[in-house]
Protein backbone atom coordinates (compact mmCIF):
# COMPACT_ATOMS: atom_id res chain seq x y z
CA MET A 1 64.34 -86.71 -44.55
CA ASN A 2 61.38 -84.46 -45.25
CA ASP A 3 60.08 -85.52 -48.68
CA ALA A 4 59.02 -81.95 -49.40
CA LEU A 5 62.54 -80.58 -48.91
CA MET A 6 63.85 -79.51 -52.29
CA GLY A 7 67.43 -78.59 -51.48
CA GLY A 8 69.74 -77.19 -48.88
CA LEU A 9 73.07 -75.63 -47.97
CA PHE A 10 75.73 -77.92 -46.51
CA PRO A 11 78.16 -75.80 -44.48
CA PRO A 12 81.69 -76.86 -43.52
CA ALA A 13 82.08 -79.45 -40.76
CA ARG A 14 84.69 -77.36 -38.98
CA ALA A 15 85.13 -79.78 -36.08
CA GLY A 16 85.33 -82.79 -38.37
CA LEU A 17 83.01 -85.77 -38.72
CA ARG A 18 83.35 -88.41 -36.02
CA GLY A 19 81.53 -91.54 -34.93
CA SER A 20 80.08 -94.68 -36.43
CA VAL A 21 77.26 -95.24 -38.88
CA ARG A 22 75.37 -98.23 -40.26
CA PRO A 23 74.50 -97.74 -43.90
CA PRO A 24 71.15 -98.93 -45.25
CA GLY A 25 70.82 -102.33 -46.87
CA ASP A 26 72.70 -102.93 -50.09
CA LYS A 27 70.59 -101.81 -53.04
CA SER A 28 72.00 -104.33 -55.51
CA VAL A 29 71.50 -107.25 -53.11
CA SER A 30 68.00 -106.03 -52.13
CA HIS A 31 66.92 -106.01 -55.79
CA ARG A 32 68.28 -109.50 -56.38
CA ALA A 33 66.85 -110.91 -53.16
CA VAL A 34 63.33 -109.94 -54.21
CA LEU A 35 63.74 -110.98 -57.85
CA MET A 36 65.32 -114.34 -57.12
CA GLY A 37 63.12 -114.85 -54.07
CA SER A 38 60.12 -114.54 -56.35
CA VAL A 39 61.18 -117.71 -58.24
CA ASN A 40 62.48 -119.56 -55.19
CA ASP A 41 61.02 -122.94 -54.31
CA GLY A 42 59.08 -121.68 -51.31
CA PRO A 43 58.97 -118.52 -49.16
CA VAL A 44 62.11 -116.49 -48.45
CA ILE A 45 62.58 -114.08 -45.54
CA VAL A 46 64.69 -111.10 -46.61
CA THR A 47 66.17 -109.25 -43.62
CA GLY A 48 67.87 -105.85 -43.86
CA PHE A 49 66.01 -104.96 -47.06
CA LEU A 50 66.61 -101.43 -48.30
CA ARG A 51 63.38 -99.46 -48.51
CA SER A 52 63.94 -96.98 -51.32
CA THR A 53 62.05 -95.88 -54.39
CA ASP A 54 64.18 -98.17 -56.58
CA THR A 55 63.81 -101.31 -54.50
CA MET A 56 60.12 -100.77 -53.83
CA ALA A 57 59.68 -100.64 -57.61
CA THR A 58 61.08 -104.18 -57.65
CA VAL A 59 58.59 -105.27 -54.98
CA ALA A 60 55.77 -103.74 -57.04
CA ALA A 61 57.04 -105.48 -60.18
CA VAL A 62 57.04 -109.00 -58.72
CA ARG A 63 53.61 -108.36 -57.20
CA ALA A 64 52.40 -107.40 -60.67
CA LEU A 65 53.72 -110.78 -61.81
CA GLY A 66 51.56 -112.59 -59.27
CA VAL A 67 54.05 -113.02 -56.42
CA GLN A 68 52.88 -112.30 -52.88
CA VAL A 69 55.26 -110.13 -50.84
CA ASP A 70 54.53 -109.38 -47.18
CA ASP A 71 56.15 -106.10 -46.21
CA HIS A 72 57.37 -105.68 -42.62
CA GLY A 73 59.67 -102.68 -43.13
CA ASP A 74 63.28 -103.80 -43.43
CA ARG A 75 62.07 -107.41 -43.42
CA LEU A 76 60.16 -108.95 -46.32
CA LEU A 77 58.54 -112.34 -46.80
CA VAL A 78 58.64 -113.22 -50.51
CA HIS A 79 56.34 -116.14 -51.35
CA GLY A 80 58.35 -117.74 -54.13
CA ALA A 81 56.64 -120.43 -56.21
CA GLY A 82 59.32 -121.17 -58.80
CA TRP A 83 59.38 -119.71 -62.30
CA GLU A 84 55.99 -121.31 -62.86
CA GLY A 85 54.57 -118.93 -60.26
CA LEU A 86 55.25 -115.88 -62.43
CA GLN A 87 52.07 -114.82 -64.22
CA GLU A 88 51.44 -112.45 -67.12
CA PRO A 89 50.92 -108.93 -65.73
CA ASP A 90 47.67 -107.09 -66.38
CA ASP A 91 49.45 -103.86 -67.25
CA VAL A 92 52.79 -102.35 -68.21
CA ILE A 93 55.40 -102.65 -65.45
CA ASP A 94 56.87 -99.29 -64.43
CA VAL A 95 60.44 -99.65 -63.11
CA GLY A 96 60.57 -95.99 -62.09
CA ASN A 97 64.22 -94.93 -62.07
CA SER A 98 65.69 -98.39 -61.48
CA GLY A 99 68.18 -99.47 -64.12
CA THR A 100 68.86 -102.68 -62.19
CA LEU A 101 65.22 -103.73 -62.36
CA LEU A 102 64.93 -102.73 -66.02
CA ARG A 103 67.86 -104.94 -67.01
CA LEU A 104 67.52 -107.93 -64.67
CA LEU A 105 63.79 -108.52 -64.97
CA PRO A 106 63.88 -109.54 -68.68
CA GLY A 107 66.38 -112.29 -67.79
CA LEU A 108 64.15 -113.56 -64.99
CA LEU A 109 61.12 -113.57 -67.33
CA ALA A 110 62.98 -115.17 -70.25
CA PRO A 111 61.63 -118.73 -69.74
CA ARG A 112 58.00 -117.62 -69.31
CA ASP A 113 55.80 -117.67 -72.42
CA PHE A 114 53.84 -114.48 -71.82
CA LEU A 115 54.05 -110.82 -72.75
CA CYS A 116 55.61 -108.21 -70.47
CA VAL A 117 56.20 -104.53 -71.26
CA LEU A 118 58.70 -102.52 -69.18
CA THR A 119 58.99 -98.76 -69.04
CA GLY A 120 60.15 -96.13 -66.57
CA ASP A 121 60.77 -92.44 -66.03
CA ALA A 122 62.38 -90.08 -68.56
CA SER A 123 65.88 -91.06 -67.44
CA ILE A 124 65.15 -94.78 -67.77
CA ARG A 125 63.73 -94.32 -71.25
CA ARG A 126 67.18 -93.09 -72.32
CA ARG A 127 69.01 -96.14 -70.93
CA PRO A 128 70.61 -98.41 -73.58
CA MET A 129 68.88 -101.81 -73.68
CA GLY A 130 70.24 -103.34 -76.86
CA ARG A 131 73.07 -105.07 -75.00
CA VAL A 132 70.48 -106.87 -72.83
CA LEU A 133 67.92 -107.66 -75.52
CA GLU A 134 70.46 -108.90 -78.09
CA PRO A 135 71.80 -111.85 -76.04
CA LEU A 136 68.31 -112.72 -74.77
CA ALA A 137 67.08 -112.84 -78.35
CA ALA A 138 69.95 -115.20 -79.18
CA MET A 139 68.71 -117.46 -76.37
CA GLY A 140 65.22 -117.60 -77.88
CA VAL A 141 63.37 -114.67 -76.27
CA GLU A 142 61.12 -112.45 -78.41
CA VAL A 143 62.14 -108.85 -77.69
CA ALA A 144 61.33 -105.40 -79.00
CA GLY A 145 62.02 -101.81 -78.06
CA ARG A 146 62.19 -98.27 -79.33
CA CYS A 147 64.88 -97.10 -81.74
CA GLY A 148 65.68 -100.47 -83.25
CA ASP A 149 65.18 -102.45 -80.06
CA SER A 150 67.70 -100.29 -78.22
CA LEU A 151 65.63 -98.14 -75.82
CA PRO A 152 62.69 -98.57 -73.42
CA PRO A 153 59.83 -99.20 -73.36
CA VAL A 154 60.80 -102.79 -74.11
CA VAL A 155 58.64 -105.83 -74.79
CA VAL A 156 59.63 -109.34 -73.69
CA ARG A 157 57.95 -112.65 -74.50
CA GLY A 158 59.86 -115.66 -73.22
CA GLY A 159 59.77 -119.35 -74.02
CA ALA A 160 62.11 -122.30 -74.52
CA LEU A 161 65.73 -121.14 -74.11
CA ARG A 162 69.08 -122.35 -75.36
CA GLY A 163 72.40 -121.64 -73.68
CA ILE A 164 74.81 -119.33 -75.47
CA GLU A 165 78.29 -117.88 -75.11
CA TYR A 166 78.05 -114.12 -75.09
CA ARG A 167 81.05 -111.79 -75.26
CA MET A 168 80.26 -108.49 -73.54
CA PRO A 169 81.82 -105.42 -75.20
CA VAL A 170 81.79 -103.60 -71.83
CA ALA A 171 81.82 -105.15 -68.36
CA SER A 172 78.37 -104.73 -66.81
CA ALA A 173 76.96 -106.64 -63.86
CA GLN A 174 73.41 -105.81 -64.93
CA VAL A 175 73.82 -107.20 -68.45
CA LYS A 176 75.69 -110.23 -67.15
CA SER A 177 73.02 -110.90 -64.54
CA ALA A 178 70.19 -110.82 -67.08
CA ILE A 179 71.95 -113.46 -69.18
CA LEU A 180 72.82 -115.64 -66.18
CA LEU A 181 69.25 -115.56 -64.85
CA ALA A 182 67.97 -116.68 -68.25
CA GLY A 183 70.71 -119.30 -68.34
CA LEU A 184 69.32 -120.97 -65.22
CA ARG A 185 66.37 -122.14 -67.32
CA ALA A 186 68.16 -122.66 -70.67
CA GLU A 187 69.21 -125.90 -72.31
CA GLY A 188 72.93 -126.47 -71.86
CA GLN A 189 75.63 -124.21 -70.47
CA THR A 190 75.43 -120.42 -70.67
CA SER A 191 78.70 -118.45 -70.67
CA VAL A 192 79.36 -114.73 -70.39
CA VAL A 193 82.81 -113.46 -71.38
CA GLU A 194 83.50 -110.20 -69.55
CA PRO A 195 86.46 -107.90 -70.33
CA ALA A 196 86.86 -107.07 -66.63
CA ALA A 197 85.45 -108.42 -63.39
CA SER A 198 82.06 -106.92 -62.52
CA ARG A 199 80.05 -107.26 -59.31
CA ASP A 200 79.08 -110.88 -58.66
CA HIS A 201 76.00 -110.65 -56.39
CA THR A 202 73.91 -112.70 -58.83
CA GLU A 203 76.44 -115.54 -59.01
CA ARG A 204 76.75 -115.64 -55.23
CA MET A 205 72.98 -115.80 -54.82
CA ILE A 206 72.71 -118.57 -57.43
CA ARG A 207 75.23 -120.66 -55.50
CA TYR A 208 73.50 -119.81 -52.22
CA GLY A 209 70.31 -121.23 -53.71
CA GLY A 210 71.95 -124.49 -54.77
CA GLY A 211 72.77 -123.55 -58.35
CA ARG A 212 76.04 -123.85 -60.19
CA ALA A 213 77.80 -120.63 -61.17
CA GLU A 214 81.54 -120.56 -61.88
CA ARG A 215 84.07 -118.03 -63.08
CA ASP A 216 87.30 -118.75 -64.92
CA GLY A 217 89.89 -115.99 -64.80
CA PRO A 218 91.54 -113.66 -62.27
CA VAL A 219 89.26 -112.14 -59.64
CA ASP A 220 90.22 -108.63 -60.74
CA GLY A 221 90.51 -109.09 -64.51
CA PRO A 222 88.86 -110.56 -67.63
CA GLY A 223 87.05 -113.86 -67.22
CA VAL A 224 84.27 -116.20 -68.24
CA VAL A 225 81.21 -116.69 -66.02
CA LYS A 226 79.23 -119.90 -66.55
CA VAL A 227 75.88 -121.17 -65.30
CA TRP A 228 74.01 -124.41 -65.82
CA PRO A 229 70.28 -125.20 -65.78
CA LEU A 230 68.63 -125.24 -62.38
CA GLU A 231 65.35 -127.02 -61.75
CA ARG A 232 64.64 -125.41 -58.39
CA LEU A 233 66.16 -122.48 -56.55
CA LYS A 234 66.20 -123.30 -52.85
CA MET A 235 67.39 -120.34 -50.77
CA ASP A 236 67.14 -120.11 -47.03
CA GLY A 237 66.52 -116.71 -45.47
CA LEU A 238 68.57 -113.88 -46.94
CA THR A 239 70.27 -111.15 -44.91
CA VAL A 240 71.18 -108.00 -46.85
CA PRO A 241 74.48 -106.37 -45.80
CA GLY A 242 75.00 -102.63 -45.53
CA ASP A 243 75.49 -100.90 -48.88
CA PHE A 244 79.15 -100.16 -49.62
CA SER A 245 78.21 -97.51 -52.19
CA SER A 246 76.26 -95.64 -49.52
CA ALA A 247 79.03 -96.12 -46.97
CA ALA A 248 81.60 -94.70 -49.39
CA PHE A 249 80.22 -91.16 -49.06
CA PHE A 250 81.13 -91.08 -45.37
CA LEU A 251 84.50 -92.74 -45.93
CA VAL A 252 85.50 -90.11 -48.49
CA ALA A 253 84.08 -87.33 -46.31
CA ALA A 254 86.37 -88.50 -43.49
CA LEU A 255 89.39 -88.40 -45.81
CA LEU A 256 88.66 -84.82 -46.89
CA ILE A 257 87.72 -83.14 -43.60
CA PRO A 258 90.43 -82.47 -40.96
CA GLY A 259 89.71 -84.03 -37.57
CA SER A 260 87.43 -86.72 -39.02
CA ASP A 261 87.35 -90.36 -37.93
CA ILE A 262 84.39 -92.43 -39.17
CA SER A 263 83.66 -96.14 -38.86
CA VAL A 264 81.07 -97.74 -41.11
CA GLU A 265 79.69 -100.92 -39.56
CA ASN A 266 78.02 -104.01 -41.00
CA VAL A 267 78.97 -102.99 -44.52
CA GLY A 268 79.20 -105.41 -47.44
CA LEU A 269 82.79 -106.23 -48.37
CA ASN A 270 82.20 -108.10 -51.60
CA PRO A 271 85.55 -107.68 -53.41
CA THR A 272 83.80 -106.87 -56.69
CA ARG A 273 82.27 -103.81 -55.00
CA THR A 274 85.13 -102.38 -52.95
CA GLY A 275 87.53 -101.20 -55.66
CA LEU A 276 87.39 -97.71 -54.18
CA LEU A 277 89.38 -98.92 -51.16
CA ALA A 278 92.41 -99.86 -53.28
CA VAL A 279 92.26 -96.49 -55.03
CA ILE A 280 92.06 -94.64 -51.72
CA GLU A 281 95.04 -96.55 -50.37
CA ARG A 282 97.07 -95.60 -53.49
CA MET A 283 96.18 -91.99 -52.79
CA GLY A 284 97.55 -92.28 -49.26
CA GLY A 285 94.20 -92.45 -47.51
CA GLN A 286 94.07 -93.88 -44.01
CA ILE A 287 91.67 -96.81 -44.29
CA THR A 288 91.36 -99.89 -42.08
CA VAL A 289 89.14 -102.89 -42.86
CA GLU A 290 87.96 -105.50 -40.36
CA ARG A 291 86.29 -108.48 -42.00
CA GLU A 292 83.86 -110.00 -39.54
CA ASP A 293 81.38 -112.49 -40.97
CA VAL A 294 79.41 -113.72 -43.95
CA CYS A 295 75.95 -112.22 -44.36
CA GLY A 296 74.14 -114.93 -46.31
CA PRO A 297 76.17 -115.11 -49.52
CA GLU A 298 78.00 -111.81 -48.86
CA PRO A 299 81.01 -110.93 -46.65
CA VAL A 300 80.58 -108.05 -44.19
CA GLY A 301 82.73 -106.03 -41.81
CA THR A 302 83.70 -102.58 -40.54
CA VAL A 303 85.63 -99.94 -42.48
CA THR A 304 87.22 -96.94 -40.76
CA ALA A 305 88.54 -93.81 -42.51
CA ARG A 306 90.46 -90.83 -41.12
CA TRP A 307 91.49 -87.47 -42.49
CA SER A 308 94.44 -87.86 -44.87
CA GLU A 309 96.66 -85.85 -47.17
CA LEU A 310 95.98 -87.34 -50.59
CA GLU A 311 98.17 -87.87 -53.66
CA ALA A 312 96.87 -88.04 -57.22
CA THR A 313 96.38 -91.41 -58.91
CA ASP A 314 94.98 -92.87 -62.12
CA VAL A 315 91.99 -95.18 -62.59
CA ASP A 316 91.82 -97.04 -65.90
CA ALA A 317 89.25 -99.24 -67.64
CA ASP A 318 90.27 -102.42 -65.79
CA GLU A 319 89.41 -100.87 -62.41
CA VAL A 320 86.22 -99.07 -63.43
CA PRO A 321 83.73 -101.96 -62.94
CA GLY A 322 84.84 -102.39 -59.32
CA LEU A 323 83.95 -98.79 -58.40
CA ILE A 324 81.51 -97.70 -61.09
CA ASP A 325 79.08 -96.15 -58.58
CA GLU A 326 81.89 -94.61 -56.52
CA LEU A 327 83.64 -92.85 -59.42
CA PRO A 328 82.00 -89.47 -58.62
CA LEU A 329 83.52 -89.78 -55.13
CA PHE A 330 86.92 -90.65 -56.58
CA LEU A 331 86.73 -87.49 -58.70
CA LEU A 332 85.85 -85.43 -55.62
CA ALA A 333 88.78 -86.94 -53.69
CA ALA A 334 91.02 -86.24 -56.69
CA ALA A 335 90.01 -82.57 -56.45
CA ARG A 336 91.71 -82.45 -53.04
CA ALA A 337 94.77 -84.55 -54.00
CA ASP A 338 98.23 -83.24 -54.82
CA GLY A 339 98.77 -83.60 -58.57
CA ILE A 340 96.67 -84.57 -61.59
CA SER A 341 94.44 -87.65 -61.33
CA ARG A 342 93.22 -89.36 -64.50
CA LEU A 343 90.10 -91.45 -65.10
CA ARG A 344 89.69 -93.45 -68.32
CA GLY A 345 87.39 -96.22 -69.55
CA ALA A 346 84.34 -94.80 -67.77
CA ALA A 347 82.02 -93.98 -70.67
CA GLU A 348 79.36 -96.02 -68.83
CA LEU A 349 78.93 -93.04 -66.49
CA ARG A 350 77.27 -91.12 -69.31
CA ALA A 351 74.33 -93.58 -69.26
CA LYS A 352 73.46 -93.44 -65.56
CA GLU A 353 70.67 -91.42 -63.92
CA SER A 354 72.48 -88.44 -65.42
CA ASP A 355 75.59 -88.01 -67.55
CA ARG A 356 77.75 -88.30 -64.46
CA LEU A 357 80.99 -87.41 -66.23
CA GLU A 358 79.61 -84.13 -67.53
CA ALA A 359 77.78 -83.47 -64.26
CA MET A 360 80.91 -84.06 -62.17
CA ALA A 361 82.98 -81.85 -64.47
CA THR A 362 80.40 -79.09 -63.96
CA LEU A 363 80.33 -79.66 -60.19
CA LEU A 364 84.12 -79.53 -59.84
CA ARG A 365 84.36 -76.39 -61.95
CA THR A 366 81.88 -74.66 -59.63
CA LEU A 367 84.39 -75.47 -56.86
CA ASP A 368 87.12 -73.78 -58.97
CA ILE A 369 88.84 -77.11 -59.64
CA ARG A 370 90.51 -77.42 -63.05
CA VAL A 371 89.28 -80.42 -65.05
CA THR A 372 89.61 -81.70 -68.60
CA GLU A 373 86.74 -83.86 -69.78
CA TYR A 374 87.09 -86.76 -72.24
CA PRO A 375 84.48 -89.06 -73.82
CA ASP A 376 85.38 -91.81 -71.35
CA GLY A 377 86.88 -89.95 -68.44
CA MET A 378 88.43 -86.87 -66.94
CA ASP A 379 91.66 -85.29 -65.73
CA VAL A 380 91.39 -83.53 -62.37
CA GLU A 381 94.06 -81.10 -61.19
CA GLY A 382 93.76 -81.35 -57.44
CA ASP A 383 94.13 -78.52 -54.93
CA PRO A 384 95.18 -79.76 -51.47
CA GLN A 385 93.92 -76.44 -50.03
CA GLY A 386 90.40 -77.43 -51.02
CA TRP A 387 87.57 -75.23 -52.20
CA ALA A 388 85.64 -72.27 -50.84
CA GLY A 389 82.16 -73.41 -51.85
CA GLY A 390 79.77 -73.62 -54.73
CA GLU A 391 76.45 -74.93 -55.98
CA VAL A 392 75.44 -78.37 -57.24
CA GLU A 393 72.71 -79.17 -59.75
CA THR A 394 71.75 -82.76 -58.95
CA ARG A 395 69.77 -83.50 -62.15
CA ALA A 396 67.57 -85.87 -60.12
CA ASP A 397 70.65 -88.07 -59.53
CA HIS A 398 70.95 -89.37 -55.96
CA ARG A 399 74.72 -89.81 -56.13
CA LEU A 400 75.29 -86.23 -57.26
CA ALA A 401 73.14 -85.02 -54.36
CA MET A 402 75.30 -86.91 -51.85
CA VAL A 403 78.55 -85.83 -53.52
CA GLY A 404 77.35 -82.24 -53.21
CA ALA A 405 76.65 -82.70 -49.50
CA VAL A 406 80.13 -84.14 -48.91
CA ALA A 407 81.69 -81.32 -50.93
CA GLY A 408 79.89 -78.85 -48.69
CA ALA A 409 81.02 -80.48 -45.45
CA ALA A 410 84.60 -80.41 -46.81
CA SER A 411 84.39 -76.77 -48.00
CA ARG A 412 85.34 -73.50 -46.35
CA HIS A 413 82.01 -71.71 -46.84
CA GLY A 414 79.42 -74.31 -47.86
CA VAL A 415 77.89 -75.87 -50.96
CA ARG A 416 74.26 -75.52 -51.99
CA VAL A 417 72.53 -78.62 -53.36
CA ASP A 418 69.49 -77.74 -55.45
CA ASP A 419 67.33 -80.85 -54.92
CA LEU A 420 67.57 -83.61 -52.29
CA ARG A 421 64.48 -85.59 -53.20
CA SER A 422 66.51 -88.09 -55.23
CA LEU A 423 68.11 -89.35 -52.00
CA ASN A 424 65.04 -91.55 -51.63
CA VAL A 425 66.35 -93.64 -54.53
CA SER A 426 69.10 -95.23 -52.43
CA TYR A 427 69.62 -93.54 -49.04
CA PRO A 428 66.54 -91.83 -47.57
CA GLY A 429 68.30 -91.23 -44.23
CA PHE A 430 71.52 -89.78 -45.64
CA VAL A 431 71.11 -86.23 -44.28
CA GLU A 432 70.23 -87.51 -40.81
CA ALA A 433 73.29 -89.78 -40.83
CA LEU A 434 75.55 -86.89 -41.87
CA VAL A 435 74.15 -84.67 -39.12
CA GLY A 436 74.62 -87.49 -36.59
CA LEU A 437 78.34 -87.55 -37.43
CA GLY A 438 78.72 -83.81 -36.92
CA GLY A 439 77.63 -82.36 -40.23
CA GLU A 440 74.96 -79.74 -40.76
CA MET A 441 72.37 -78.72 -43.32
CA ALA A 442 70.56 -75.42 -43.70
CA ALA A 443 67.26 -75.21 -45.55
CA PRO A 444 67.18 -73.11 -48.74
CA GLY A 445 67.31 -69.40 -48.07
CA SER A 446 68.54 -69.74 -44.48
CA GLY A 447 71.96 -69.02 -43.05
CA SER A 448 74.76 -71.50 -43.32
CA ARG A 449 74.28 -72.75 -39.79
CA GLY A 450 70.50 -72.89 -39.68
CA VAL A 451 69.98 -76.65 -39.32
CA GLY A 452 72.34 -79.15 -37.79
CA ARG A 453 73.33 -81.02 -34.70
């Protein structure tokens, strides 16, 4: 995508979207591969790495900590030298817009007795950090932050750690991961009690590197995650699967646009990430999943979606962690479903790159969809006839930009998206992939069919 392109009009895909697509590397796994590779006992080759503004911030961060990273595009060589290889940075580390980096890095640094200051852009400086800093402080880390140690910039000085049992008030893979990473270098067992299952990429990578990480409890419900001290992390090469969250935009587009049939290949099928599939199936969506292999510590396969007549459904707090990044897409699908769909237990969406609940309510109203917003969710009264068109204010949020593009392809007259630059956060090639499947995009000010196939 042209970096200078501010926004565009996405006209209807009248002939449907058809074909296959390979999504970029998984953003969550790419972050963790670099972070954990930086403390590995020896070099790690990371294949399929996602090159985005968020993940490159992670590469810059470990370099600032003294770790050599050789960049070969979608393949990195991370020269891990154990935790001892991490050195005090000369300057503040800027995480950009990456909440994953902001929350995981303090856990990785927890055993190191040096000072590190983390900050980021305006959005990041509004992200709550108390729930990360509080458990780390209980383990023995010196922490500080704005507003009573609750907001970035944050200061971390590590040292000798003790294992704790921490009960999370809200399921969060980022908070859990920070505690588990610290627990690898703590004395005794470290346990995290989570009210619902959250994504488990960190635990899988710990086991892949020879560590011990266990979970007691149902795979789709509350549980306790435990780790034990690890002297050396010894990972072989890591292959990053395709990002399910990126793939989901095309899967939902296929469901909404008549004549569509899209297969997403080499996509990660980690069950803690694919909660959207169960929701789609409840709504009557035509989805098929072919599990093919294991990509390092992660399962992969192909998912195919076809146009479907959808029925309303509810998503409650227990399901939210399994599709936290896909909830805007669920709300868009609900706008096309027959009946009223309800989302609850999703207050976490208000602390993302934007307030995604309020932003999605605004977006759906511009499409003339009736919604009722709540502090932790939304009711959406679907219209199976769809929407004529509208405009989307992305608020520098990459997921809102992609939702707007899908809404346009599924519209009758097109949807204008005000700013596409945020796509570089997670999916720089999104517009090209959409066009390759039969979609179109017109530059601002041009006609609805100005740019396309």
